[in-house]
Amino acid sequence: MEVDFVLESTDRQLIGIEVKAAATVTHDDFRGLKKLQTLTGKRFVSGIVLHDGDQALPFGEGLWAVPFAML
């Protein structure tokens, strides 16, 4: 499993972040985040794929594709 960044809050909740240089995002880009979600259960709050596109899109429960420009 590979996830670029895993952020953990003081109450042990997790957010996974993948960074992609591409303008398009596919379900395959969430593979590592989905594995993290499965392994950590309720601790997993959100998984985000940052990309070079122009739209924020949902990719399942707690999973989002978010453009760099929205940061």
PDB file of N, CA and C in Angstrom:
ATOM      1  N   MET A   1       0.846  -1.173   0.000  1.00  0.00           N
ATOM      2  CA  MET A   1       0.000   0.000   0.000  1.00  0.00           C
ATOM      3  C   MET A   1       0.891   1.236   0.000  1.00  0.00           C
ATOM      4  N   GLU A   2       0.540   2.191  -0.851  1.00  0.00           N
ATOM      5  CA  GLU A   2       1.270   3.458  -0.879  1.00  0.00           C
ATOM      6  C   GLU A   2       0.277   4.609  -0.832  1.00  0.00           C
ATOM      7  N   VAL A   3       0.502   5.517   0.109  1.00  0.00           N
ATOM      8  CA  VAL A   3      -0.248   6.766   0.214  1.00  0.00           C
ATOM      9  C   VAL A   3       0.797   7.849   0.441  1.00  0.00           C
ATOM     10  N   ASP A   4       0.726   8.943  -0.314  1.00  0.00           N
ATOM     11  CA  ASP A   4       1.762   9.974  -0.230  1.00  0.00           C
ATOM     12  C   ASP A   4       1.854  10.605   1.155  1.00  0.00           C
ATOM     13  N   PHE A   5       0.708  10.940   1.745  1.00  0.00           N
ATOM     14  CA  PHE A   5       0.688  11.551   3.078  1.00  0.00           C
ATOM     15  C   PHE A   5      -0.440  10.948   3.891  1.00  0.00           C
ATOM     16  N   VAL A   6      -0.182  10.687   5.168  1.00  0.00           N
ATOM     17  CA  VAL A   6      -1.225  10.282   6.104  1.00  0.00           C
ATOM     18  C   VAL A   6      -1.153  11.246   7.278  1.00  0.00           C
ATOM     19  N   LEU A   7      -2.235  11.990   7.473  1.00  0.00           N
ATOM     20  CA  LEU A   7      -2.316  12.948   8.572  1.00  0.00           C
ATOM     21  C   LEU A   7      -3.118  12.322   9.696  1.00  0.00           C
ATOM     22  N   GLU A   8      -2.615  12.435  10.931  1.00  0.00           N
ATOM     23  CA  GLU A   8      -3.298  11.868  12.088  1.00  0.00           C
ATOM     24  C   GLU A   8      -3.574  12.977  13.090  1.00  0.00           C
ATOM     25  N   SER A   9      -4.833  13.088  13.515  1.00  0.00           N
ATOM     26  CA  SER A   9      -5.215  14.101  14.500  1.00  0.00           C
ATOM     27  C   SER A   9      -4.876  13.605  15.904  1.00  0.00           C
ATOM     28  N   THR A  10      -5.019  14.482  16.870  1.00  0.00           N
ATOM     29  CA  THR A  10      -4.720  14.106  18.255  1.00  0.00           C
ATOM     30  C   THR A  10      -5.669  13.031  18.770  1.00  0.00           C
ATOM     31  N   ASP A  11      -6.856  12.915  18.176  1.00  0.00           N
ATOM     32  CA  ASP A  11      -7.780  11.850  18.580  1.00  0.00           C
ATOM     33  C   ASP A  11      -7.696  10.631  17.645  1.00  0.00           C
ATOM     34  N   ARG A  12      -6.564  10.541  16.920  1.00  0.00           N
ATOM     35  CA  ARG A  12      -6.191   9.383  16.109  1.00  0.00           C
ATOM     36  C   ARG A  12      -7.018   9.191  14.842  1.00  0.00           C
ATOM     37  N   GLN A  13      -7.757  10.199  14.400  1.00  0.00           N
ATOM     38  CA  GLN A  13      -8.447  10.119  13.121  1.00  0.00           C
ATOM     39  C   GLN A  13      -7.440  10.346  11.997  1.00  0.00           C
ATOM     40  N   LEU A  14      -7.698   9.717  10.839  1.00  0.00           N
ATOM     41  CA  LEU A  14      -6.742   9.750   9.735  1.00  0.00           C
ATOM     42  C   LEU A  14      -7.328  10.370   8.471  1.00  0.00           C
ATOM     43  N   ILE A  15      -6.486  11.113   7.764  1.00  0.00           N
ATOM     44  CA  ILE A  15      -6.784  11.608   6.428  1.00  0.00           C
ATOM     45  C   ILE A  15      -5.621  11.192   5.537  1.00  0.00           C
ATOM     46  N   GLY A  16      -5.936  10.520   4.438  1.00  0.00           N
ATOM     47  CA  GLY A  16      -4.913  10.123   3.479  1.00  0.00           C
ATOM     48  C   GLY A  16      -4.924  11.067   2.291  1.00  0.00           C
ATOM     49  N   ILE A  17      -3.736  11.394   1.783  1.00  0.00           N
ATOM     50  CA  ILE A  17      -3.623  12.306   0.646  1.00  0.00           C
ATOM     51  C   ILE A  17      -2.688  11.707  -0.398  1.00  0.00           C
ATOM     52  N   GLU A  18      -3.178  11.641  -1.632  1.00  0.00           N
ATOM     53  CA  GLU A  18      -2.381  11.246  -2.796  1.00  0.00           C
ATOM     54  C   GLU A  18      -2.192  12.481  -3.664  1.00  0.00           C
ATOM     55  N   VAL A  19      -1.036  12.637  -4.261  1.00  0.00           N
ATOM     56  CA  VAL A  19      -0.754  13.771  -5.142  1.00  0.00           C
ATOM     57  C   VAL A  19      -0.495  13.235  -6.549  1.00  0.00           C
ATOM     58  N   LYS A  20      -1.270  13.725  -7.516  1.00  0.00           N
ATOM     59  CA  LYS A  20      -1.151  13.291  -8.910  1.00  0.00           C
ATOM     60  C   LYS A  20      -0.901  14.502  -9.797  1.00  0.00           C
ATOM     61  N   ALA A  21       0.025  14.391 -10.728  1.00  0.00           N
ATOM     62  CA  ALA A  21       0.328  15.488 -11.650  1.00  0.00           C
ATOM     63  C   ALA A  21      -0.678  15.558 -12.794  1.00  0.00           C
ATOM     64  N   ALA A  22      -1.489  14.544 -12.967  1.00  0.00           N
ATOM     65  CA  ALA A  22      -2.431  14.480 -14.085  1.00  0.00           C
ATOM     66  C   ALA A  22      -3.656  15.365 -13.859  1.00  0.00           C
ATOM     67  N   ALA A  23      -4.291  15.760 -14.947  1.00  0.00           N
ATOM     68  CA  ALA A  23      -5.509  16.568 -14.879  1.00  0.00           C
ATOM     69  C   ALA A  23      -6.750  15.704 -14.705  1.00  0.00           C
ATOM     70  N   THR A  24      -6.630  14.409 -14.968  1.00  0.00           N
ATOM     71  CA  THR A  24      -7.763  13.502 -14.793  1.00  0.00           C
ATOM     72  C   THR A  24      -7.460  12.516 -13.678  1.00  0.00           C
ATOM     73  N   VAL A  25      -8.517  12.081 -13.009  1.00  0.00           N
ATOM     74  CA  VAL A  25      -8.394  11.145 -11.896  1.00  0.00           C
ATOM     75  C   VAL A  25      -9.301   9.955 -12.187  1.00  0.00           C
ATOM     76  N   THR A  26      -8.807   8.751 -11.892  1.00  0.00           N
ATOM     77  CA  THR A  26      -9.605   7.539 -12.075  1.00  0.00           C
ATOM     78  C   THR A  26      -9.722   6.811 -10.741  1.00  0.00           C
ATOM     79  N   HIS A  27     -10.593   5.815 -10.708  1.00  0.00           N
ATOM     80  CA  HIS A  27     -10.756   5.016  -9.490  1.00  0.00           C
ATOM     81  C   HIS A  27      -9.443   4.345  -9.085  1.00  0.00           C
ATOM     82  N   ASP A  28      -8.599   4.005 -10.046  1.00  0.00           N
ATOM     83  CA  ASP A  28      -7.302   3.388  -9.735  1.00  0.00           C
ATOM     84  C   ASP A  28      -6.418   4.304  -8.890  1.00  0.00           C
ATOM     85  N   ASP A  29      -6.579   5.610  -9.029  1.00  0.00           N
ATOM     86  CA  ASP A  29      -5.781   6.559  -8.251  1.00  0.00           C
ATOM     87  C   ASP A  29      -6.109   6.501  -6.760  1.00  0.00           C
ATOM     88  N   PHE A  30      -7.229   5.874  -6.414  1.00  0.00           N
ATOM     89  CA  PHE A  30      -7.664   5.766  -5.024  1.00  0.00           C
ATOM     90  C   PHE A  30      -7.314   4.414  -4.402  1.00  0.00           C
ATOM     91  N   ARG A  31      -6.582   3.589  -5.130  1.00  0.00           N
ATOM     92  CA  ARG A  31      -6.279   2.231  -4.656  1.00  0.00           C
ATOM     93  C   ARG A  31      -5.640   2.223  -3.268  1.00  0.00           C
ATOM     94  N   GLY A  32      -4.579   3.015  -3.074  1.00  0.00           N
ATOM     95  CA  GLY A  32      -3.903   3.065  -1.776  1.00  0.00           C
ATOM     96  C   GLY A  32      -4.784   3.646  -0.689  1.00  0.00           C
ATOM     97  N   LEU A  33      -5.574   4.658  -1.034  1.00  0.00           N
ATOM     98  CA  LEU A  33      -6.470   5.272  -0.054  1.00  0.00           C
ATOM     99  C   LEU A  33      -7.570   4.302   0.375  1.00  0.00           C
ATOM    100  N   LYS A  34      -8.093   3.521  -0.560  1.00  0.00           N
ATOM    101  CA  LYS A  34      -9.118   2.531  -0.225  1.00  0.00           C
ATOM    102  C   LYS A  34      -8.549   1.447   0.684  1.00  0.00           C
ATOM    103  N   LYS A  35      -7.309   1.062   0.439  1.00  0.00           N
ATOM    104  CA  LYS A  35      -6.654   0.069   1.301  1.00  0.00           C
ATOM    105  C   LYS A  35      -6.478   0.642   2.709  1.00  0.00           C
ATOM    106  N   LEU A  36      -6.037   1.900   2.795  1.00  0.00           N
ATOM    107  CA  LEU A  36      -5.904   2.564   4.093  1.00  0.00           C
ATOM    108  C   LEU A  36      -7.257   2.627   4.795  1.00  0.00           C
ATOM    109  N   GLN A  37      -8.307   2.944   4.054  1.00  0.00           N
ATOM    110  CA  GLN A  37      -9.660   3.016   4.602  1.00  0.00           C
ATOM    111  C   GLN A  37     -10.083   1.662   5.176  1.00  0.00           C
ATOM    112  N   THR A  38      -9.806   0.597   4.448  1.00  0.00           N
ATOM    113  CA  THR A  38     -10.158  -0.749   4.897  1.00  0.00           C
ATOM    114  C   THR A  38      -9.369  -1.144   6.142  1.00  0.00           C
ATOM    115  N   LEU A  39      -8.079  -0.857   6.151  1.00  0.00           N
ATOM    116  CA  LEU A  39      -7.217  -1.254   7.268  1.00  0.00           C
ATOM    117  C   LEU A  39      -7.481  -0.477   8.551  1.00  0.00           C
ATOM    118  N   THR A  40      -7.918   0.769   8.436  1.00  0.00           N
ATOM    119  CA  THR A  40      -8.051   1.616   9.630  1.00  0.00           C
ATOM    120  C   THR A  40      -9.489   1.818  10.089  1.00  0.00           C
ATOM    121  N   GLY A  41     -10.457   1.372   9.312  1.00  0.00           N
ATOM    122  CA  GLY A  41     -11.856   1.412   9.727  1.00  0.00           C
ATOM    123  C   GLY A  41     -12.355   2.806  10.066  1.00  0.00           C
ATOM    124  N   LYS A  42     -12.962   2.935  11.242  1.00  0.00           N
ATOM    125  CA  LYS A  42     -13.594   4.196  11.654  1.00  0.00           C
ATOM    126  C   LYS A  42     -12.602   5.325  11.885  1.00  0.00           C
ATOM    127  N   ARG A  43     -11.332   5.010  12.034  1.00  0.00           N
ATOM    128  CA  ARG A  43     -10.319   6.067  12.201  1.00  0.00           C
ATOM    129  C   ARG A  43     -10.146   6.869  10.912  1.00  0.00           C
ATOM    130  N   PHE A  44     -10.459   6.252   9.771  1.00  0.00           N
ATOM    131  CA  PHE A  44     -10.311   6.898   8.469  1.00  0.00           C
ATOM    132  C   PHE A  44     -11.439   7.907   8.285  1.00  0.00           C
ATOM    133  N   VAL A  45     -11.074   9.183   8.147  1.00  0.00           N
ATOM    134  CA  VAL A  45     -12.057  10.251   7.985  1.00  0.00           C
ATOM    135  C   VAL A  45     -12.252  10.593   6.515  1.00  0.00           C
ATOM    136  N   SER A  46     -11.144  10.690   5.771  1.00  0.00           N
ATOM    137  CA  SER A  46     -11.228  11.117   4.380  1.00  0.00           C
ATOM    138  C   SER A  46      -9.976  10.716   3.610  1.00  0.00           C
ATOM    139  N   GLY A  47     -10.176  10.495   2.317  1.00  0.00           N
ATOM    140  CA  GLY A  47      -9.072  10.262   1.397  1.00  0.00           C
ATOM    141  C   GLY A  47      -9.178  11.256   0.261  1.00  0.00           C
ATOM    142  N   ILE A  48      -8.089  11.928  -0.039  1.00  0.00           N
ATOM    143  CA  ILE A  48      -8.098  12.994  -1.037  1.00  0.00           C
ATOM    144  C   ILE A  48      -7.007  12.741  -2.068  1.00  0.00           C
ATOM    145  N   VAL A  49      -7.390  12.822  -3.341  1.00  0.00           N
ATOM    146  CA  VAL A  49      -6.413  12.819  -4.426  1.00  0.00           C
ATOM    147  C   VAL A  49      -6.325  14.250  -4.940  1.00  0.00           C
ATOM    148  N   LEU A  50      -5.179  14.874  -4.743  1.00  0.00           N
ATOM    149  CA  LEU A  50      -4.940  16.211  -5.284  1.00  0.00           C
ATOM    150  C   LEU A  50      -4.488  16.058  -6.729  1.00  0.00           C
ATOM    151  N   HIS A  51      -5.076  16.853  -7.631  1.00  0.00           N
ATOM    152  CA  HIS A  51      -4.770  16.700  -9.055  1.00  0.00           C
ATOM    153  C   HIS A  51      -4.704  18.053  -9.748  1.00  0.00           C
ATOM    154  N   ASP A  52      -4.292  18.028 -11.004  1.00  0.00           N
ATOM    155  CA  ASP A  52      -4.083  19.250 -11.780  1.00  0.00           C
ATOM    156  C   ASP A  52      -5.302  19.639 -12.618  1.00  0.00           C
ATOM    157  N   GLY A  53      -6.442  19.042 -12.351  1.00  0.00           N
ATOM    158  CA  GLY A  53      -7.664  19.360 -13.091  1.00  0.00           C
ATOM    159  C   GLY A  53      -8.354  20.591 -12.527  1.00  0.00           C
ATOM    160  N   ASP A  54      -9.654  20.734 -12.859  1.00  0.00           N
ATOM    161  CA  ASP A  54     -10.373  21.928 -12.415  1.00  0.00           C
ATOM    162  C   ASP A  54     -11.668  21.643 -11.667  1.00  0.00           C
ATOM    163  N   GLN A  55     -11.954  20.364 -11.350  1.00  0.00           N
ATOM    164  CA  GLN A  55     -13.179  20.023 -10.644  1.00  0.00           C
ATOM    165  C   GLN A  55     -12.901  19.156  -9.431  1.00  0.00           C
ATOM    166  N   ALA A  56     -13.656  19.421  -8.350  1.00  0.00           N
ATOM    167  CA  ALA A  56     -13.662  18.532  -7.191  1.00  0.00           C
ATOM    168  C   ALA A  56     -14.767  17.504  -7.427  1.00  0.00           C
ATOM    169  N   LEU A  57     -14.432  16.233  -7.257  1.00  0.00           N
ATOM    170  CA  LEU A  57     -15.383  15.164  -7.541  1.00  0.00           C
ATOM    171  C   LEU A  57     -15.365  14.116  -6.442  1.00  0.00           C
ATOM    172  N   PRO A  58     -16.547  13.595  -6.054  1.00  0.00           N
ATOM    173  CA  PRO A  58     -16.582  12.491  -5.097  1.00  0.00           C
ATOM    174  C   PRO A  58     -16.227  11.178  -5.795  1.00  0.00           C
ATOM    175  N   PHE A  59     -15.542  10.292  -5.069  1.00  0.00           N
ATOM    176  CA  PHE A  59     -15.184   8.977  -5.602  1.00  0.00           C
ATOM    177  C   PHE A  59     -15.568   7.874  -4.628  1.00  0.00           C
ATOM    178  N   GLY A  60     -16.603   8.088  -3.856  1.00  0.00           N
ATOM    179  CA  GLY A  60     -17.043   7.105  -2.882  1.00  0.00           C
ATOM    180  C   GLY A  60     -17.101   7.727  -1.503  1.00  0.00           C
ATOM    181  N   GLU A  61     -17.515   6.934  -0.543  1.00  0.00           N
ATOM    182  CA  GLU A  61     -17.681   7.431   0.823  1.00  0.00           C
ATOM    183  C   GLU A  61     -16.350   7.915   1.398  1.00  0.00           C
ATOM    184  N   GLY A  62     -16.281   9.219   1.667  1.00  0.00           N
ATOM    185  CA  GLY A  62     -15.079   9.801   2.253  1.00  0.00           C
ATOM    186  C   GLY A  62     -13.924   9.981   1.289  1.00  0.00           C
ATOM    187  N   LEU A  63     -14.147   9.771  -0.008  1.00  0.00           N
ATOM    188  CA  LEU A  63     -13.074   9.860  -1.002  1.00  0.00           C
ATOM    189  C   LEU A  63     -13.372  10.981  -1.998  1.00  0.00           C
ATOM    190  N   TRP A  64     -12.392  11.873  -2.168  1.00  0.00           N
ATOM    191  CA  TRP A  64     -12.572  13.038  -3.031  1.00  0.00           C
ATOM    192  C   TRP A  64     -11.356  13.276  -3.910  1.00  0.00           C
ATOM    193  N   ALA A  65     -11.619  13.723  -5.135  1.00  0.00           N
ATOM    194  CA  ALA A  65     -10.582  14.266  -6.010  1.00  0.00           C
ATOM    195  C   ALA A  65     -10.704  15.781  -5.910  1.00  0.00           C
ATOM    196  N   VAL A  66      -9.610  16.455  -5.570  1.00  0.00           N
ATOM    197  CA  VAL A  66      -9.632  17.904  -5.348  1.00  0.00           C
ATOM    198  C   VAL A  66      -8.499  18.548  -6.144  1.00  0.00           C
ATOM    199  N   PRO A  67      -8.812  19.578  -6.947  1.00  0.00           N
ATOM    200  CA  PRO A  67      -7.765  20.258  -7.713  1.00  0.00           C
ATOM    201  C   PRO A  67      -6.818  21.051  -6.814  1.00  0.00           C
ATOM    202  N   PHE A  68      -5.553  21.107  -7.218  1.00  0.00           N
ATOM    203  CA  PHE A  68      -4.579  21.931  -6.495  1.00  0.00           C
ATOM    204  C   PHE A  68      -5.078  23.366  -6.361  1.00  0.00           C
ATOM    205  N   ALA A  69      -5.745  23.875  -7.392  1.00  0.00           N
ATOM    206  CA  ALA A  69      -6.205  25.266  -7.417  1.00  0.00           C
ATOM    207  C   ALA A  69      -7.207  25.579  -6.309  1.00  0.00           C
ATOM    208  N   MET A  70      -7.817  24.565  -5.716  1.00  0.00           N
ATOM    209  CA  MET A  70      -8.788  24.791  -4.641  1.00  0.00           C
ATOM    210  C   MET A  70      -8.140  24.871  -3.263  1.00  0.00           C
ATOM    211  N   LEU A  71      -6.846  24.660  -3.197  1.00  0.00           N
ATOM    212  CA  LEU A  71      -6.171  24.734  -1.892  1.00  0.00           C
ATOM    213  C   LEU A  71      -5.993  26.161  -1.454  1.00  0.00           C
TER     214      LEU A  71
END
